Full PDB file with SEQRES, HELIX, SHEET, SSBOND, CRYST1, ORIGX, SCALE, CONECT and MASTER records, all heavy atoms in Angstrom:
SEQRES   1 A   34  ARG SER ILE ARG SER LEU ASN LEU LEU GLU ALA SER GLY          
SEQRES   2 A   34  LEU VAL PHE GLY LEU LEU CYS VAL LEU PHE LEU ILE LYS          
SEQRES   3 A   34  GLU LYS VAL TRP THR TRP PRO LEU                              
HELIX    1 AA1 LEU A    8  ILE A   25  1                                  18    
HELIX    2 AA2 VAL A   29  THR A   31  5                                   3    
CRYST1    1.000    1.000    1.000  90.00  90.00  90.00 P 1           1          
ORIGX1      1.000000  0.000000  0.000000        0.00000                         
ORIGX2      0.000000  1.000000  0.000000        0.00000                         
ORIGX3      0.000000  0.000000  1.000000        0.00000                         
SCALE1      1.000000  0.000000  0.000000        0.00000                         
SCALE2      0.000000  1.000000  0.000000        0.00000                         
SCALE3      0.000000  0.000000  1.000000        0.00000                         
ATOM      1  N   ARG A   1     244.519 180.909  -6.466  1.00  0.00           N  
ATOM      2  CA  ARG A   1     245.591 181.770  -5.949  1.00  0.00           C  
ATOM      3  C   ARG A   1     245.131 182.269  -4.534  1.00  0.00           C  
ATOM      4  O   ARG A   1     245.966 182.388  -3.655  1.00  0.00           O  
ATOM      5  CB  ARG A   1     245.842 182.936  -6.864  1.00  0.00           C  
ATOM      6  CG  ARG A   1     246.708 182.618  -8.019  1.00  0.00           C  
ATOM      7  CD  ARG A   1     247.154 183.874  -8.767  1.00  0.00           C  
ATOM      8  NE  ARG A   1     246.071 184.421  -9.571  1.00  0.00           N  
ATOM      9  CZ  ARG A   1     245.720 184.098 -10.790  1.00  0.00           C  
ATOM     10  NH1 ARG A   1     246.446 183.152 -11.483  1.00  0.00           N  
ATOM     11  NH2 ARG A   1     244.719 184.665 -11.443  1.00  0.00           N  
ATOM     12  N   SER A   2     243.847 182.571  -4.385  1.00  0.00           N  
ATOM     13  CA  SER A   2     243.382 183.023  -3.096  1.00  0.00           C  
ATOM     14  C   SER A   2     243.552 182.021  -1.991  1.00  0.00           C  
ATOM     15  O   SER A   2     243.902 182.235  -0.834  1.00  0.00           O  
ATOM     16  CB  SER A   2     241.901 183.459  -3.129  1.00  0.00           C  
ATOM     17  OG  SER A   2     241.720 184.533  -4.044  1.00  0.00           O  
ATOM     18  N   ILE A   3     243.265 180.709  -2.356  1.00  0.00           N  
ATOM     19  CA  ILE A   3     243.420 179.607  -1.402  1.00  0.00           C  
ATOM     20  C   ILE A   3     244.860 179.426  -1.020  1.00  0.00           C  
ATOM     21  O   ILE A   3     245.185 179.226   0.131  1.00  0.00           O  
ATOM     22  CB  ILE A   3     242.773 178.351  -1.973  1.00  0.00           C  
ATOM     23  CG1 ILE A   3     241.229 178.486  -2.131  1.00  0.00           C  
ATOM     24  CG2 ILE A   3     243.089 177.148  -1.096  1.00  0.00           C  
ATOM     25  CD1 ILE A   3     240.592 177.299  -2.816  1.00  0.00           C  
ATOM     26  N   ARG A   4     245.723 179.501  -2.061  1.00  0.00           N  
ATOM     27  CA  ARG A   4     247.158 179.288  -1.827  1.00  0.00           C  
ATOM     28  C   ARG A   4     247.752 180.387  -1.034  1.00  0.00           C  
ATOM     29  O   ARG A   4     248.774 180.164  -0.288  1.00  0.00           O  
ATOM     30  CB  ARG A   4     247.881 179.185  -3.220  1.00  0.00           C  
ATOM     31  CG  ARG A   4     247.646 177.873  -3.912  1.00  0.00           C  
ATOM     32  CD  ARG A   4     248.324 177.870  -5.254  1.00  0.00           C  
ATOM     33  NE  ARG A   4     248.206 176.598  -5.955  1.00  0.00           N  
ATOM     34  CZ  ARG A   4     248.618 176.336  -7.197  1.00  0.00           C  
ATOM     35  NH1 ARG A   4     249.259 177.346  -7.883  1.00  0.00           N  
ATOM     36  NH2 ARG A   4     248.438 175.166  -7.717  1.00  0.00           N  
ATOM     37  N   SER A   5     247.229 181.607  -1.107  1.00  0.00           N  
ATOM     38  CA  SER A   5     247.799 182.795  -0.409  1.00  0.00           C  
ATOM     39  C   SER A   5     247.057 183.048   0.928  1.00  0.00           C  
ATOM     40  O   SER A   5     247.387 184.070   1.536  1.00  0.00           O  
ATOM     41  CB  SER A   5     247.623 184.022  -1.258  1.00  0.00           C  
ATOM     42  OG  SER A   5     246.249 184.333  -1.499  1.00  0.00           O  
ATOM     43  N   LEU A   6     246.188 182.105   1.365  1.00  0.00           N  
ATOM     44  CA  LEU A   6     245.541 182.282   2.633  1.00  0.00           C  
ATOM     45  C   LEU A   6     246.552 182.415   3.780  1.00  0.00           C  
ATOM     46  O   LEU A   6     247.464 181.639   3.888  1.00  0.00           O  
ATOM     47  CB  LEU A   6     244.616 181.105   2.954  1.00  0.00           C  
ATOM     48  CG  LEU A   6     243.314 181.026   2.147  1.00  0.00           C  
ATOM     49  CD1 LEU A   6     242.546 179.814   2.626  1.00  0.00           C  
ATOM     50  CD2 LEU A   6     242.506 182.275   2.318  1.00  0.00           C  
ATOM     51  N   ASN A   7     246.395 183.460   4.597  1.00  0.00           N  
ATOM     52  CA  ASN A   7     247.218 183.568   5.757  1.00  0.00           C  
ATOM     53  C   ASN A   7     246.618 182.742   6.893  1.00  0.00           C  
ATOM     54  O   ASN A   7     245.486 182.127   6.684  1.00  0.00           O  
ATOM     55  CB  ASN A   7     247.415 185.011   6.215  1.00  0.00           C  
ATOM     56  CG  ASN A   7     246.148 185.734   6.394  1.00  0.00           C  
ATOM     57  OD1 ASN A   7     245.176 185.206   6.970  1.00  0.00           O  
ATOM     58  ND2 ASN A   7     246.122 187.012   6.045  1.00  0.00           N  
ATOM     59  N   LEU A   8     247.208 182.726   8.057  1.00  0.00           N  
ATOM     60  CA  LEU A   8     246.723 181.912   9.099  1.00  0.00           C  
ATOM     61  C   LEU A   8     245.327 182.339   9.560  1.00  0.00           C  
ATOM     62  O   LEU A   8     244.471 181.532   9.873  1.00  0.00           O  
ATOM     63  CB  LEU A   8     247.653 181.963  10.287  1.00  0.00           C  
ATOM     64  CG  LEU A   8     247.302 181.101  11.527  1.00  0.00           C  
ATOM     65  CD1 LEU A   8     247.149 179.637  11.205  1.00  0.00           C  
ATOM     66  CD2 LEU A   8     248.293 181.362  12.646  1.00  0.00           C  
ATOM     67  N   LEU A   9     245.090 183.635   9.590  1.00  0.00           N  
ATOM     68  CA  LEU A   9     243.817 184.168  10.000  1.00  0.00           C  
ATOM     69  C   LEU A   9     242.690 183.714   9.062  1.00  0.00           C  
ATOM     70  O   LEU A   9     241.684 183.320   9.541  1.00  0.00           O  
ATOM     71  CB  LEU A   9     243.895 185.667  10.071  1.00  0.00           C  
ATOM     72  CG  LEU A   9     242.673 186.424  10.718  1.00  0.00           C  
ATOM     73  CD1 LEU A   9     242.639 186.130  12.184  1.00  0.00           C  
ATOM     74  CD2 LEU A   9     242.744 187.919  10.501  1.00  0.00           C  
ATOM     75  N   GLU A  10     242.898 183.914   7.734  1.00  0.00           N  
ATOM     76  CA  GLU A  10     241.913 183.528   6.819  1.00  0.00           C  
ATOM     77  C   GLU A  10     241.654 182.039   6.754  1.00  0.00           C  
ATOM     78  O   GLU A  10     240.499 181.574   6.609  1.00  0.00           O  
ATOM     79  CB  GLU A  10     242.319 184.062   5.371  1.00  0.00           C  
ATOM     80  CG  GLU A  10     242.360 185.520   5.276  1.00  0.00           C  
ATOM     81  CD  GLU A  10     242.978 186.008   3.976  1.00  0.00           C  
ATOM     82  OE1 GLU A  10     243.902 185.295   3.491  1.00  0.00           O  
ATOM     83  OE2 GLU A  10     242.642 187.087   3.444  1.00  0.00           O  
ATOM     84  N   ALA A  11     242.771 181.262   6.897  1.00  0.00           N  
ATOM     85  CA  ALA A  11     242.544 179.791   6.953  1.00  0.00           C  
ATOM     86  C   ALA A  11     241.761 179.351   8.174  1.00  0.00           C  
ATOM     87  O   ALA A  11     240.903 178.498   8.049  1.00  0.00           O  
ATOM     88  CB  ALA A  11     243.930 179.123   6.980  1.00  0.00           C  
ATOM     89  N   SER A  12     241.986 180.034   9.306  1.00  0.00           N  
ATOM     90  CA  SER A  12     241.276 179.785  10.485  1.00  0.00           C  
ATOM     91  C   SER A  12     239.790 180.129  10.316  1.00  0.00           C  
ATOM     92  O   SER A  12     238.885 179.424  10.762  1.00  0.00           O  
ATOM     93  CB  SER A  12     241.820 180.528  11.643  1.00  0.00           C  
ATOM     94  OG  SER A  12     243.171 180.171  11.906  1.00  0.00           O  
ATOM     95  N   GLY A  13     239.533 181.230   9.649  1.00  0.00           N  
ATOM     96  CA  GLY A  13     238.133 181.623   9.306  1.00  0.00           C  
ATOM     97  C   GLY A  13     237.450 180.634   8.530  1.00  0.00           C  
ATOM     98  O   GLY A  13     236.246 180.314   8.722  1.00  0.00           O  
ATOM     99  N   LEU A  14     238.103 180.030   7.484  1.00  0.00           N  
ATOM    100  CA  LEU A  14     237.523 179.001   6.696  1.00  0.00           C  
ATOM    101  C   LEU A  14     237.109 177.787   7.506  1.00  0.00           C  
ATOM    102  O   LEU A  14     236.033 177.344   7.441  1.00  0.00           O  
ATOM    103  CB  LEU A  14     238.500 178.616   5.604  1.00  0.00           C  
ATOM    104  CG  LEU A  14     238.122 177.376   4.716  1.00  0.00           C  
ATOM    105  CD1 LEU A  14     236.901 177.690   3.938  1.00  0.00           C  
ATOM    106  CD2 LEU A  14     239.324 177.065   3.769  1.00  0.00           C  
ATOM    107  N   VAL A  15     238.063 177.335   8.339  1.00  0.00           N  
ATOM    108  CA  VAL A  15     237.810 176.166   9.139  1.00  0.00           C  
ATOM    109  C   VAL A  15     236.676 176.388  10.146  1.00  0.00           C  
ATOM    110  O   VAL A  15     235.726 175.548  10.166  1.00  0.00           O  
ATOM    111  CB  VAL A  15     239.113 175.766   9.942  1.00  0.00           C  
ATOM    112  CG1 VAL A  15     238.792 174.588  10.900  1.00  0.00           C  
ATOM    113  CG2 VAL A  15     240.182 175.357   8.965  1.00  0.00           C  
ATOM    114  N   PHE A  16     236.724 177.469  10.948  1.00  0.00           N  
ATOM    115  CA  PHE A  16     235.717 177.728  11.913  1.00  0.00           C  
ATOM    116  C   PHE A  16     234.342 178.049  11.306  1.00  0.00           C  
ATOM    117  O   PHE A  16     233.326 177.792  11.852  1.00  0.00           O  
ATOM    118  CB  PHE A  16     236.164 178.814  12.923  1.00  0.00           C  
ATOM    119  CG  PHE A  16     237.193 178.335  13.830  1.00  0.00           C  
ATOM    120  CD1 PHE A  16     238.498 178.728  13.723  1.00  0.00           C  
ATOM    121  CD2 PHE A  16     236.834 177.494  14.961  1.00  0.00           C  
ATOM    122  CE1 PHE A  16     239.450 178.303  14.651  1.00  0.00           C  
ATOM    123  CE2 PHE A  16     237.772 177.110  15.807  1.00  0.00           C  
ATOM    124  CZ  PHE A  16     239.146 177.474  15.671  1.00  0.00           C  
ATOM    125  N   GLY A  17     234.373 178.732  10.159  1.00  0.00           N  
ATOM    126  CA  GLY A  17     233.134 179.044   9.446  1.00  0.00           C  
ATOM    127  C   GLY A  17     232.399 177.837   8.987  1.00  0.00           C  
ATOM    128  O   GLY A  17     231.205 177.709   9.144  1.00  0.00           O  
ATOM    129  N   LEU A  18     233.174 176.850   8.439  1.00  0.00           N  
ATOM    130  CA  LEU A  18     232.480 175.663   7.997  1.00  0.00           C  
ATOM    131  C   LEU A  18     232.033 174.751   9.206  1.00  0.00           C  
ATOM    132  O   LEU A  18     231.000 174.157   9.179  1.00  0.00           O  
ATOM    133  CB  LEU A  18     233.471 174.849   7.115  1.00  0.00           C  
ATOM    134  CG  LEU A  18     233.807 175.450   5.715  1.00  0.00           C  
ATOM    135  CD1 LEU A  18     234.876 174.666   5.003  1.00  0.00           C  
ATOM    136  CD2 LEU A  18     232.496 175.430   4.862  1.00  0.00           C  
ATOM    137  N   LEU A  19     232.936 174.678  10.208  1.00  0.00           N  
ATOM    138  CA  LEU A  19     232.560 173.870  11.354  1.00  0.00           C  
ATOM    139  C   LEU A  19     231.319 174.307  12.072  1.00  0.00           C  
ATOM    140  O   LEU A  19     230.503 173.483  12.450  1.00  0.00           O  
ATOM    141  CB  LEU A  19     233.755 173.864  12.349  1.00  0.00           C  
ATOM    142  CG  LEU A  19     234.953 172.986  11.985  1.00  0.00           C  
ATOM    143  CD1 LEU A  19     236.049 173.110  13.014  1.00  0.00           C  
ATOM    144  CD2 LEU A  19     234.516 171.511  11.889  1.00  0.00           C  
ATOM    145  N   CYS A  20     231.194 175.733  12.227  1.00  0.00           N  
ATOM    146  CA  CYS A  20     229.997 176.145  12.957  1.00  0.00           C  
ATOM    147  C   CYS A  20     228.726 175.861  12.176  1.00  0.00           C  
ATOM    148  O   CYS A  20     227.642 175.552  12.794  1.00  0.00           O  
ATOM    149  CB  CYS A  20     230.112 177.614  13.310  1.00  0.00           C  
ATOM    150  SG  CYS A  20     230.057 178.780  11.983  1.00  0.00           S  
ATOM    151  N   VAL A  21     228.765 175.866  10.854  1.00  0.00           N  
ATOM    152  CA  VAL A  21     227.528 175.582  10.037  1.00  0.00           C  
ATOM    153  C   VAL A  21     227.293 174.072  10.087  1.00  0.00           C  
ATOM    154  O   VAL A  21     226.109 173.616  10.240  1.00  0.00           O  
ATOM    155  CB  VAL A  21     227.734 175.968   8.589  1.00  0.00           C  
ATOM    156  CG1 VAL A  21     226.579 175.563   7.698  1.00  0.00           C  
ATOM    157  CG2 VAL A  21     227.895 177.532   8.473  1.00  0.00           C  
ATOM    158  N   LEU A  22     228.319 173.263  10.040  1.00  0.00           N  
ATOM    159  CA  LEU A  22     228.156 171.837  10.165  1.00  0.00           C  
ATOM    160  C   LEU A  22     227.495 171.385  11.466  1.00  0.00           C  
ATOM    161  O   LEU A  22     226.594 170.515  11.500  1.00  0.00           O  
ATOM    162  CB  LEU A  22     229.447 171.109   9.874  1.00  0.00           C  
ATOM    163  CG  LEU A  22     229.999 171.193   8.440  1.00  0.00           C  
ATOM    164  CD1 LEU A  22     231.450 170.608   8.421  1.00  0.00           C  
ATOM    165  CD2 LEU A  22     229.108 170.459   7.490  1.00  0.00           C  
ATOM    166  N   PHE A  23     227.954 172.017  12.511  1.00  0.00           N  
ATOM    167  CA  PHE A  23     227.378 171.698  13.890  1.00  0.00           C  
ATOM    168  C   PHE A  23     225.973 172.214  13.988  1.00  0.00           C  
ATOM    169  O   PHE A  23     225.155 171.600  14.702  1.00  0.00           O  
ATOM    170  CB  PHE A  23     228.252 172.232  14.932  1.00  0.00           C  
ATOM    171  CG  PHE A  23     229.452 171.353  15.341  1.00  0.00           C  
ATOM    172  CD1 PHE A  23     230.734 171.612  14.898  1.00  0.00           C  
ATOM    173  CD2 PHE A  23     229.247 170.208  16.066  1.00  0.00           C  
ATOM    174  CE1 PHE A  23     231.781 170.828  15.226  1.00  0.00           C  
ATOM    175  CE2 PHE A  23     230.335 169.377  16.411  1.00  0.00           C  
ATOM    176  CZ  PHE A  23     231.620 169.687  16.031  1.00  0.00           C  
ATOM    177  N   LEU A  24     225.703 173.328  13.306  1.00  0.00           N  
ATOM    178  CA  LEU A  24     224.310 173.856  13.266  1.00  0.00           C  
ATOM    179  C   LEU A  24     223.356 172.826  12.574  1.00  0.00           C  
ATOM    180  O   LEU A  24     222.265 172.589  13.028  1.00  0.00           O  
ATOM    181  CB  LEU A  24     224.245 175.172  12.586  1.00  0.00           C  
ATOM    182  CG  LEU A  24     222.882 175.923  12.546  1.00  0.00           C  
ATOM    183  CD1 LEU A  24     222.407 176.200  13.976  1.00  0.00           C  
ATOM    184  CD2 LEU A  24     222.930 177.213  11.706  1.00  0.00           C  
ATOM    185  N   ILE A  25     223.837 172.348  11.456  1.00  0.00           N  
ATOM    186  CA  ILE A  25     223.013 171.318  10.728  1.00  0.00           C  
ATOM    187  C   ILE A  25     222.729 170.127  11.650  1.00  0.00           C  
ATOM    188  O   ILE A  25     221.627 169.664  11.659  1.00  0.00           O  
ATOM    189  CB  ILE A  25     223.764 170.888   9.457  1.00  0.00           C  
ATOM    190  CG1 ILE A  25     223.872 172.013   8.502  1.00  0.00           C  
ATOM    191  CG2 ILE A  25     223.032 169.649   8.842  1.00  0.00           C  
ATOM    192  CD1 ILE A  25     224.714 171.713   7.252  1.00  0.00           C  
ATOM    193  N   LYS A  26     223.729 169.696  12.420  1.00  0.00           N  
ATOM    194  CA  LYS A  26     223.551 168.509  13.245  1.00  0.00           C  
ATOM    195  C   LYS A  26     222.866 168.875  14.606  1.00  0.00           C  
ATOM    196  O   LYS A  26     222.739 168.010  15.432  1.00  0.00           O  
ATOM    197  CB  LYS A  26     224.923 167.872  13.565  1.00  0.00           C  
ATOM    198  CG  LYS A  26     225.681 167.373  12.295  1.00  0.00           C  
ATOM    199  CD  LYS A  26     224.904 166.278  11.681  1.00  0.00           C  
ATOM    200  CE  LYS A  26     225.574 165.632  10.508  1.00  0.00           C  
ATOM    201  NZ  LYS A  26     224.790 164.495   9.887  1.00  0.00           N  
ATOM    202  N   GLU A  27     222.519 170.185  14.777  1.00  0.00           N  
ATOM    203  CA  GLU A  27     221.879 170.627  16.026  1.00  0.00           C  
ATOM    204  C   GLU A  27     222.667 170.428  17.280  1.00  0.00           C  
ATOM    205  O   GLU A  27     222.243 170.126  18.344  1.00  0.00           O  
ATOM    206  CB  GLU A  27     220.473 169.910  16.144  1.00  0.00           C  
ATOM    207  CG  GLU A  27     219.498 170.118  15.079  1.00  0.00           C  
ATOM    208  CD  GLU A  27     218.263 169.310  15.222  1.00  0.00           C  
ATOM    209  OE1 GLU A  27     217.653 169.486  16.369  1.00  0.00           O  
ATOM    210  OE2 GLU A  27     217.868 168.566  14.347  1.00  0.00           O  
ATOM    211  N   LYS A  28     224.005 170.651  17.092  1.00  0.00           N  
ATOM    212  CA  LYS A  28     224.939 170.464  18.225  1.00  0.00           C  
ATOM    213  C   LYS A  28     225.308 171.844  18.802  1.00  0.00           C  
ATOM    214  O   LYS A  28     225.524 172.832  18.043  1.00  0.00           O  
ATOM    215  CB  LYS A  28     226.239 169.797  17.735  1.00  0.00           C  
ATOM    216  CG  LYS A  28     226.017 168.428  17.159  1.00  0.00           C  
ATOM    217  CD  LYS A  28     225.412 167.416  18.158  1.00  0.00           C  
ATOM    218  CE  LYS A  28     225.219 166.076  17.562  1.00  0.00           C  
ATOM    219  NZ  LYS A  28     224.569 165.114  18.486  1.00  0.00           N  
ATOM    220  N   VAL A  29     225.280 171.948  20.105  1.00  0.00           N  
ATOM    221  CA  VAL A  29     225.490 173.197  20.781  1.00  0.00           C  
ATOM    222  C   VAL A  29     226.907 173.821  20.520  1.00  0.00           C  
ATOM    223  O   VAL A  29     227.118 175.009  20.633  1.00  0.00           O  
ATOM    224  CB  VAL A  29     225.274 173.075  22.317  1.00  0.00           C  
ATOM    225  CG1 VAL A  29     226.440 172.298  22.942  1.00  0.00           C  
ATOM    226  CG2 VAL A  29     225.060 174.447  22.948  1.00  0.00           C  
ATOM    227  N   TRP A  30     227.878 172.949  20.062  1.00  0.00           N  
ATOM    228  CA  TRP A  30     229.160 173.494  19.778  1.00  0.00           C  
ATOM    229  C   TRP A  30     229.191 174.461  18.593  1.00  0.00           C  
ATOM    230  O   TRP A  30     230.205 175.177  18.390  1.00  0.00           O  
ATOM    231  CB  TRP A  30     230.100 172.262  19.414  1.00  0.00           C  
ATOM    232  CG  TRP A  30     230.658 171.651  20.634  1.00  0.00           C  
ATOM    233  CD1 TRP A  30     230.320 170.488  21.222  1.00  0.00           C  
ATOM    234  CD2 TRP A  30     231.757 172.200  21.414  1.00  0.00           C  
ATOM    235  NE1 TRP A  30     231.120 170.273  22.312  1.00  0.00           N  
ATOM    236  CE2 TRP A  30     231.958 171.257  22.424  1.00  0.00           C  
ATOM    237  CE3 TRP A  30     232.557 173.332  21.269  1.00  0.00           C  
ATOM    238  CZ2 TRP A  30     232.990 171.481  23.440  1.00  0.00           C  
ATOM    239  CZ3 TRP A  30     233.490 173.530  22.278  1.00  0.00           C  
ATOM    240  CH2 TRP A  30     233.777 172.619  23.335  1.00  0.00           C  
ATOM    241  N   THR A  31     228.065 174.545  17.877  1.00  0.00           N  
ATOM    242  CA  THR A  31     228.050 175.565  16.796  1.00  0.00           C  
ATOM    243  C   THR A  31     228.204 176.968  17.341  1.00  0.00           C  
ATOM    244  O   THR A  31     228.798 177.806  16.694  1.00  0.00           O  
ATOM    245  CB  THR A  31     226.663 175.421  16.080  1.00  0.00           C  
ATOM    246  OG1 THR A  31     226.636 176.302  14.990  1.00  0.00           O  
ATOM    247  CG2 THR A  31     225.494 175.839  16.988  1.00  0.00           C  
ATOM    248  N   TRP A  32     227.808 177.237  18.622  1.00  0.00           N  
ATOM    249  CA  TRP A  32     227.886 178.572  19.103  1.00  0.00           C  
ATOM    250  C   TRP A  32     229.231 179.033  19.514  1.00  0.00           C  
ATOM    251  O   TRP A  32     229.676 180.103  19.101  1.00  0.00           O  
ATOM    252  CB  TRP A  32     226.878 178.746  20.226  1.00  0.00           C  
ATOM    253  CG  TRP A  32     225.487 178.379  19.758  1.00  0.00           C  
ATOM    254  CD1 TRP A  32     224.717 177.259  20.135  1.00  0.00           C  
ATOM    255  CD2 TRP A  32     224.665 179.031  18.740  1.00  0.00           C  
ATOM    256  NE1 TRP A  32     223.496 177.271  19.427  1.00  0.00           N  
ATOM    257  CE2 TRP A  32     223.514 178.346  18.565  1.00  0.00           C  
ATOM    258  CE3 TRP A  32     224.860 180.223  18.011  1.00  0.00           C  
ATOM    259  CZ2 TRP A  32     222.484 178.702  17.725  1.00  0.00           C  
ATOM    260  CZ3 TRP A  32     223.939 180.629  17.078  1.00  0.00           C  
ATOM    261  CH2 TRP A  32     222.755 179.898  16.937  1.00  0.00           C  
ATOM    262  N   PRO A  33     229.995 178.253  20.349  1.00  0.00           N  
ATOM    263  CA  PRO A  33     231.391 178.711  20.628  1.00  0.00           C  
ATOM    264  C   PRO A  33     232.290 178.749  19.388  1.00  0.00           C  
ATOM    265  O   PRO A  33     233.087 179.658  19.314  1.00  0.00           O  
ATOM    266  CB  PRO A  33     231.874 177.629  21.638  1.00  0.00           C  
ATOM    267  CG  PRO A  33     230.940 176.487  21.539  1.00  0.00           C  
ATOM    268  CD  PRO A  33     229.639 177.069  21.094  1.00  0.00           C  
ATOM    269  N   LEU A  34     232.111 177.816  18.532  1.00  0.00           N  
ATOM    270  CA  LEU A  34     232.826 177.907  17.242  1.00  0.00           C  
ATOM    271  C   LEU A  34     232.449 179.081  16.436  1.00  0.00           C  
ATOM    272  O   LEU A  34     233.296 179.772  15.798  1.00  0.00           O  
ATOM    273  CB  LEU A  34     232.579 176.587  16.406  1.00  0.00           C  
ATOM    274  CG  LEU A  34     233.193 175.324  16.968  1.00  0.00           C  
ATOM    275  CD1 LEU A  34     232.655 174.131  16.151  1.00  0.00           C  
ATOM    276  CD2 LEU A  34     234.708 175.342  17.010  1.00  0.00           C  
TER     277      LEU A  34                                                      
MASTER        0    0    0    2    0    0    0    6  276    1    0    3          
END                                                                             
């Protein structure tokens, strides 16, 4: 229900939160602006 009720802000947080960790794992500098 939480996933289905995600608003745009929360959905964006999910996407950017995961992306910055993935780029950190890969040692890519893009982790910081994300």
